Protein backbone atom coordinates (compact mmCIF):
# COMPACT_ATOMS: atom_id res chain seq x y z
CA MET A 1 67.72 268.29 270.25
CA ILE A 2 67.10 265.08 268.28
CA PRO A 3 67.36 265.55 264.49
CA THR A 4 64.08 264.73 262.75
CA ILE A 5 65.71 263.67 259.48
CA GLU A 6 69.29 263.36 258.22
CA TRP A 7 71.55 261.61 255.75
CA SER A 8 73.09 258.33 256.83
CA GLY A 9 75.76 257.82 254.20
CA LYS A 10 73.95 257.57 250.88
CA TYR A 11 70.61 256.78 252.55
CA ILE A 12 68.10 258.87 254.51
CA ARG A 13 67.11 258.16 258.08
CA MET A 14 64.33 259.78 260.06
CA ILE A 15 62.85 259.37 263.51
CA ASP A 16 59.85 257.03 263.30
CA GLN A 17 57.32 259.30 264.99
CA ARG A 18 54.78 256.49 265.26
CA LYS A 19 56.98 254.90 267.94
CA ILE A 20 57.43 257.96 270.18
CA PRO A 21 57.37 258.09 273.21
CA ARG A 22 57.86 254.35 273.75
CA LYS A 23 61.18 254.36 271.94
CA LEU A 24 63.35 256.39 269.60
CA GLU A 25 63.79 254.36 266.45
CA TRP A 26 65.33 255.34 263.13
CA TYR A 27 63.49 254.56 259.91
CA THR A 28 65.92 254.16 257.01
CA CYS A 29 64.92 254.97 253.43
CA ARG A 30 67.11 253.37 250.76
CA ASN A 31 65.09 254.69 247.82
CA TYR A 32 62.56 257.41 247.02
CA VAL A 33 59.61 254.99 247.19
CA GLN A 34 60.39 254.38 250.86
CA VAL A 35 60.45 258.14 251.45
CA ILE A 36 56.99 258.45 249.89
CA ASN A 37 55.78 255.59 252.09
CA ALA A 38 57.25 257.27 255.19
CA ILE A 39 55.33 260.47 254.40
CA GLU A 40 52.06 258.64 253.68
CA LYS A 41 52.29 256.38 256.75
CA MET A 42 53.09 259.20 259.22
CA VAL A 43 56.65 258.06 259.94
CA ILE A 44 57.46 261.71 259.36
CA ARG A 45 54.81 264.45 259.58
CA GLY A 46 54.48 268.19 259.96
CA ALA A 47 54.44 270.42 256.88
CA PRO A 48 58.06 271.70 257.04
CA ALA A 49 59.45 268.23 257.81
CA ILE A 50 57.48 266.75 254.91
CA GLY A 51 58.98 269.36 252.60
CA VAL A 52 62.51 268.52 253.74
CA ALA A 53 61.81 264.79 253.35
CA ALA A 54 60.49 265.34 249.84
CA ALA A 55 63.60 267.27 248.80
CA MET A 56 65.91 264.64 250.23
CA GLY A 57 63.80 261.89 248.69
CA LEU A 58 64.11 263.49 245.25
CA ALA A 59 67.88 263.74 245.65
CA LEU A 60 67.94 260.06 246.60
CA GLY A 61 65.70 259.21 243.66
CA ALA A 62 67.93 261.17 241.26
CA GLU A 63 70.87 258.99 242.26
CA SER A 64 69.02 255.91 241.01
CA ILE A 65 68.24 257.34 237.55
CA LYS A 66 70.18 255.60 234.79
CA ALA A 67 70.15 258.07 231.92
CA HIS A 68 72.41 258.81 228.96
CA SER A 69 71.12 262.30 228.25
CA TYR A 70 69.74 265.32 230.09
CA ASP A 71 66.30 264.90 228.46
CA ASP A 72 66.14 261.28 229.57
CA PHE A 73 67.19 262.24 233.12
CA LYS A 74 64.66 265.07 233.28
CA ARG A 75 61.85 262.82 232.08
CA ASN A 76 62.60 260.21 234.77
CA PHE A 77 63.07 262.85 237.45
CA LYS A 78 59.66 264.32 236.63
CA LYS A 79 58.06 260.88 237.09
CA ILE A 80 59.59 260.65 240.57
CA ALA A 81 58.53 264.23 241.38
CA ASP A 82 54.95 263.53 240.27
CA LYS A 83 54.78 260.55 242.63
CA MET A 84 56.34 262.48 245.49
CA ILE A 85 53.90 265.39 245.27
CA LYS A 86 50.92 263.04 245.71
CA ALA A 87 52.14 261.66 249.05
CA ARG A 88 49.96 264.05 251.10
CA PRO A 89 47.71 266.70 249.57
CA THR A 90 47.20 269.37 252.25
CA ALA A 91 50.73 270.36 253.31
CA VAL A 92 51.90 272.93 250.75
CA ASN A 93 55.56 272.62 251.77
CA LEU A 94 55.63 269.28 249.96
CA GLY A 95 54.76 270.86 246.62
CA TRP A 96 57.04 273.83 247.35
CA ALA A 97 60.04 271.54 247.91
CA VAL A 98 59.28 269.44 244.83
CA GLU A 99 59.00 272.61 242.71
CA ARG A 100 62.28 273.99 244.05
CA MET A 101 64.12 270.75 243.23
CA SER A 102 62.44 270.52 239.82
CA GLN A 103 63.45 274.07 238.94
CA LEU A 104 67.06 273.20 239.63
CA VAL A 105 66.80 270.41 237.05
CA ASP A 106 64.98 272.64 234.57
CA LYS A 107 67.74 275.25 234.72
CA ALA A 108 70.64 272.83 234.18
CA PRO A 109 70.31 271.40 230.63
CA ASN A 110 74.07 271.67 230.03
CA THR A 111 75.20 270.29 233.39
CA PRO A 112 76.83 266.83 233.39
CA LEU A 113 74.46 264.37 235.04
CA ASP A 114 76.86 263.35 237.80
CA ILE A 115 77.28 267.02 238.73
CA LEU A 116 73.52 267.61 238.53
CA LYS A 117 72.91 264.76 240.99
CA LYS A 118 75.40 266.33 243.40
CA LYS A 119 73.66 269.69 243.02
CA LEU A 120 70.31 268.10 243.89
CA ARG A 121 71.78 266.61 247.05
CA ALA A 122 73.31 269.99 247.96
CA GLU A 123 69.96 271.73 247.36
CA ALA A 124 68.18 269.24 249.64
CA ASP A 125 70.81 269.97 252.30
CA ASN A 126 70.19 273.71 251.83
CA ILE A 127 66.45 273.22 252.35
CA LEU A 128 67.12 271.30 255.56
CA ARG A 129 69.53 273.94 256.96
CA GLU A 130 67.31 276.82 255.89
CA ASP A 131 64.32 275.30 257.68
CA ILE A 132 66.15 275.23 261.01
CA GLU A 133 67.33 278.82 260.58
CA ILE A 134 63.85 279.97 259.53
CA ASN A 135 62.36 278.37 262.64
CA ARG A 136 64.84 280.20 264.84
CA GLN A 137 63.99 283.49 263.15
CA MET A 138 60.27 282.85 263.69
CA GLY A 139 61.00 282.09 267.30
CA GLN A 140 62.71 285.44 267.79
CA TYR A 141 59.82 287.36 266.26
CA GLY A 142 57.13 285.32 267.95
CA GLN A 143 58.53 285.29 271.47
CA GLY A 144 57.76 289.00 271.67
CA LEU A 145 54.06 288.10 271.68
CA ILE A 146 54.44 286.03 274.86
CA PRO A 147 54.25 287.87 278.21
CA GLY A 148 56.91 287.37 280.87
CA LYS A 149 54.67 284.80 282.54
CA ALA A 150 52.18 282.85 280.42
CA THR A 151 50.33 279.59 279.90
CA VAL A 152 50.20 278.68 276.21
CA LEU A 153 47.82 276.20 274.61
CA THR A 154 49.05 274.24 271.59
CA HIS A 155 47.22 271.89 269.23
CA CYS A 156 48.95 269.03 267.42
CA ASN A 157 52.76 269.02 267.25
CA ALA A 158 54.53 271.99 265.69
CA GLY A 159 57.89 271.37 267.27
CA ALA A 160 61.30 270.11 266.19
CA LEU A 161 59.72 266.81 265.13
CA ALA A 162 57.42 268.62 262.68
CA THR A 163 60.34 270.45 261.09
CA ALA A 164 64.02 269.96 260.36
CA GLY A 165 64.64 271.20 263.91
CA TYR A 166 63.63 273.74 266.63
CA GLY A 167 59.99 273.99 265.53
CA THR A 168 57.41 276.59 264.50
CA ALA A 169 54.89 277.01 267.35
CA LEU A 170 57.21 275.27 269.81
CA GLY A 171 60.10 277.27 268.38
CA VAL A 172 58.33 280.42 269.58
CA ILE A 173 57.93 278.85 273.01
CA ARG A 174 61.56 277.72 273.07
CA ALA A 175 62.71 281.23 272.14
CA ALA A 176 60.58 282.72 274.93
CA ARG A 177 62.16 280.35 277.43
CA GLU A 178 65.63 281.25 276.13
CA LYS A 179 64.74 284.90 276.88
CA GLY A 180 64.07 283.90 280.47
CA LYS A 181 60.28 284.03 280.29
CA ASN A 182 58.20 281.85 282.60
CA VAL A 183 56.25 279.83 280.04
CA ARG A 184 54.05 276.85 280.78
CA VAL A 185 52.42 274.78 278.04
CA ILE A 186 49.10 272.98 277.88
CA ALA A 187 48.97 270.58 274.95
CA ASP A 188 45.77 269.26 273.41
CA GLU A 189 46.11 265.48 273.03
CA THR A 190 45.13 265.83 269.32
CA ARG A 191 43.10 262.83 268.24
CA PRO A 192 43.29 260.47 266.45
CA TRP A 193 47.12 260.26 266.22
CA LEU A 194 47.68 261.91 269.63
CA GLN A 195 50.51 264.13 268.39
CA GLY A 196 50.06 266.48 271.34
CA LEU A 197 50.25 263.69 273.90
CA ARG A 198 52.95 261.62 272.24
CA LEU A 199 55.14 264.21 270.50
CA THR A 200 54.61 267.73 271.90
CA ALA A 201 54.71 266.51 275.51
CA PHE A 202 57.77 264.36 274.74
CA GLU A 203 59.67 267.26 273.16
CA LEU A 204 58.89 269.74 275.92
CA MET A 205 59.75 267.28 278.67
CA GLN A 206 63.10 266.64 276.93
CA ASP A 207 63.70 270.42 277.07
CA HIS A 208 62.49 270.69 280.68
CA ILE A 209 59.67 273.05 279.69
CA PRO A 210 56.62 272.59 281.97
CA VAL A 211 53.82 270.87 280.05
CA SER A 212 50.44 269.34 280.84
CA VAL A 213 48.24 267.40 278.41
CA ILE A 214 44.47 267.78 278.19
CA ALA A 215 41.77 265.97 276.27
CA ASP A 216 40.84 267.95 273.15
CA ASN A 217 37.38 268.68 274.54
CA ALA A 218 38.78 270.34 277.72
CA ALA A 219 40.25 273.42 276.03
CA GLY A 220 37.09 275.54 276.17
CA SER A 221 36.56 274.91 279.86
CA LEU A 222 40.13 275.96 280.72
CA MET A 223 39.80 279.08 278.59
CA ARG A 224 36.61 280.05 280.43
CA GLN A 225 38.45 279.58 283.74
CA LYS A 226 41.19 282.03 282.56
CA VAL A 227 43.84 279.30 282.77
CA ILE A 228 45.09 279.88 279.21
CA ASP A 229 46.69 283.19 278.17
CA LEU A 230 47.24 282.56 274.46
CA VAL A 231 47.17 279.88 271.78
CA ILE A 232 49.95 279.11 269.28
CA THR A 233 49.63 276.52 266.50
CA GLY A 234 51.49 275.68 263.33
CA ALA A 235 49.95 275.45 259.85
CA ASP A 236 50.02 273.06 256.91
CA ARG A 237 48.87 275.62 254.34
CA ILE A 238 47.84 279.27 254.50
CA ALA A 239 45.66 280.79 251.79
CA ALA A 240 46.25 284.22 250.23
CA ASN A 241 43.60 285.76 252.52
CA GLY A 242 45.12 284.31 255.71
CA ASP A 243 42.76 281.35 256.15
CA VAL A 244 44.73 278.51 257.75
CA ALA A 245 44.66 274.76 257.18
CA ASN A 246 45.98 272.91 260.20
CA LYS A 247 45.40 269.69 262.11
CA ILE A 248 41.75 268.79 262.60
CA GLY A 249 40.43 270.50 265.73
CA THR A 250 42.31 273.76 265.20
CA TYR A 251 39.18 275.57 264.00
CA GLN A 252 37.21 274.86 267.16
CA VAL A 253 40.16 275.97 269.32
CA ALA A 254 40.28 279.26 267.39
CA VAL A 255 36.55 279.82 267.82
CA LEU A 256 36.81 279.13 271.55
CA ALA A 257 39.77 281.52 271.82
CA ARG A 258 37.79 284.29 270.13
CA GLU A 259 34.79 283.70 272.39
CA ASN A 260 37.05 283.97 275.45
CA ARG A 261 39.07 286.94 274.12
CA ILE A 262 42.33 284.97 274.00
CA PRO A 263 44.94 285.69 271.27
CA PHE A 264 45.24 282.95 268.66
CA TYR A 265 48.59 282.94 266.84
CA VAL A 266 49.83 280.83 263.93
CA ALA A 267 53.56 280.23 263.41
CA ALA A 268 54.52 279.16 259.89
CA PRO A 269 57.29 279.80 257.35
CA LEU A 270 56.55 281.72 254.15
CA SER A 271 56.79 278.43 252.25
CA THR A 272 53.52 277.44 253.96
CA ILE A 273 51.67 280.37 252.38
CA ASP A 274 50.02 279.40 249.08
CA PRO A 275 49.15 282.61 247.20
CA GLN A 276 47.45 280.53 244.49
CA LYS A 277 44.70 279.55 246.94
CA LYS A 278 42.60 282.69 247.39
CA THR A 279 40.69 281.32 250.40
CA GLY A 280 40.78 278.33 252.68
CA ASP A 281 37.86 276.78 250.81
CA MET A 282 40.26 276.10 247.93
CA ILE A 283 42.68 274.08 250.07
CA PRO A 284 42.36 270.29 249.61
CA ILE A 285 41.63 268.47 252.86
CA GLU A 286 43.16 265.04 253.25
CA GLU A 287 40.76 262.25 254.24
CA ARG A 288 42.59 259.45 256.02
CA ASP A 289 41.68 255.84 256.75
CA PRO A 290 38.54 255.73 258.94
CA GLU A 291 40.16 252.97 260.98
CA GLU A 292 42.43 255.57 262.58
CA ILE A 293 39.36 256.73 264.52
CA PHE A 294 38.21 253.40 265.95
CA ARG A 295 41.52 251.53 266.04
CA PHE A 296 44.65 252.32 268.02
CA GLU A 297 47.87 250.35 267.63
CA ASN A 298 45.95 247.55 265.90
CA LYS A 299 43.44 247.34 268.74
CA GLN A 300 39.75 247.76 267.97
CA ILE A 301 38.38 250.38 270.38
CA GLY A 302 34.99 250.88 268.73
CA PRO A 303 32.15 248.45 268.01
CA LYS A 304 32.65 246.17 265.03
CA GLY A 305 31.09 247.49 261.86
CA ILE A 306 31.20 251.14 263.00
CA LYS A 307 31.73 253.79 260.33
CA ALA A 308 33.91 256.85 260.81
CA ILE A 309 34.72 260.15 259.10
CA ASN A 310 38.39 261.08 259.34
CA PRO A 311 39.44 264.45 257.88
CA ALA A 312 43.08 265.10 258.81
CA PHE A 313 42.82 268.91 258.70
CA ASP A 314 40.33 271.76 258.98
CA ILE A 315 40.21 275.40 257.89
CA THR A 316 40.36 278.27 260.37
CA PRO A 317 38.99 281.48 258.79
CA ASN A 318 41.29 284.48 259.07
CA LYS A 319 38.87 286.40 261.31
CA TYR A 320 39.82 284.11 264.21
CA ILE A 321 43.58 284.64 263.83
CA SER A 322 45.29 287.41 265.81
CA ALA A 323 48.61 287.23 263.95
CA ILE A 324 50.72 284.99 261.71
CA ILE A 325 54.35 284.63 262.77
CA THR A 326 56.82 284.21 259.87
CA GLU A 327 60.59 284.38 259.44
CA LYS A 328 60.11 287.87 257.95
CA GLY A 329 58.11 289.23 260.86
CA ILE A 330 54.61 289.20 262.27
CA LEU A 331 51.63 289.61 259.95
CA ARG A 332 48.48 291.15 261.37
CA PRO A 333 45.07 291.73 259.78
CA PRO A 334 44.18 292.55 257.09
CA PHE A 335 46.07 289.40 256.06
CA LYS A 336 45.15 289.50 252.37
CA LYS A 337 46.81 292.90 251.92
CA LYS A 338 49.85 292.00 254.05
CA ILE A 339 50.43 288.67 252.29
CA ARG A 340 50.11 290.29 248.86
CA GLU A 341 52.62 293.00 249.80
CA LEU A 342 55.00 290.42 251.25
CA PHE A 343 55.05 288.28 248.11
CA HIS A 344 55.27 291.25 245.74
CA SER A 345 58.33 292.54 247.62
CA ARG A 346 60.24 289.25 247.32
């Protein structure tokens, strides 16, 4: 399995996901500003992967801080953290990773700065390793929801490329295959960045898992024909009541699944749950450049002068979700009660 992001000496390198499937190309970040740019420009995407990139970017940024005192270091680190957290607003893992790295700094006022920088790098490495392990744990829990023979619909990419490795939704599928289950995948193309066509299909073909791609507007028809047995997606943020923010188009897939009595599952680590957001209406939705709608690879595919609306995510109300798969087990409705109990027990 290709690593999504890793250290290359003192620098960070990540797969440039804009280039897949035409070629596998590494994008090297020599400073934290380049990490922020990589997150903003979709070089790396997927909530868990963004969180890992942010942590590694902060460790890289800390190395560049020239400070003579802890207070001076902390002040400069906070400036970097404030810039990092603004890279993309919807994925909560970004803020979670920044907070975890910032807390390490806050708790180390008596630590020599050279040691503190090493601790930040070690913490970023921990976040990366933990993400892979968490995904494998989710896979083991989630694969129990998949019958021995099943066709699974996915939306966007929630695979190894969206994480540090293995994947959330695709991790569940991978785990089912490892158990010997006969699983076939249908991937929505996922406009406008085509993550399903370019990334999900690429990953599954690399793993020799049967996959077919459909246009986003074909999902309902296939559900009505009983072709699809269940739906699994990832999530970029989950509110305290179980409402889910995920790639634009997820909401309509969930509604169609409910109409056709098909289970709709969400696979996401606990770091994706934001207990401070009581409902999905409180989750900020990123609006991206309208040109992404009518341009593709610098080619104009719409009439000149056309306007476009380009929200990157939507909110799926909890009533459409059959279960949320986490590294601590499977959450079922009522989600508000289960999420509250889960966080109070930690």
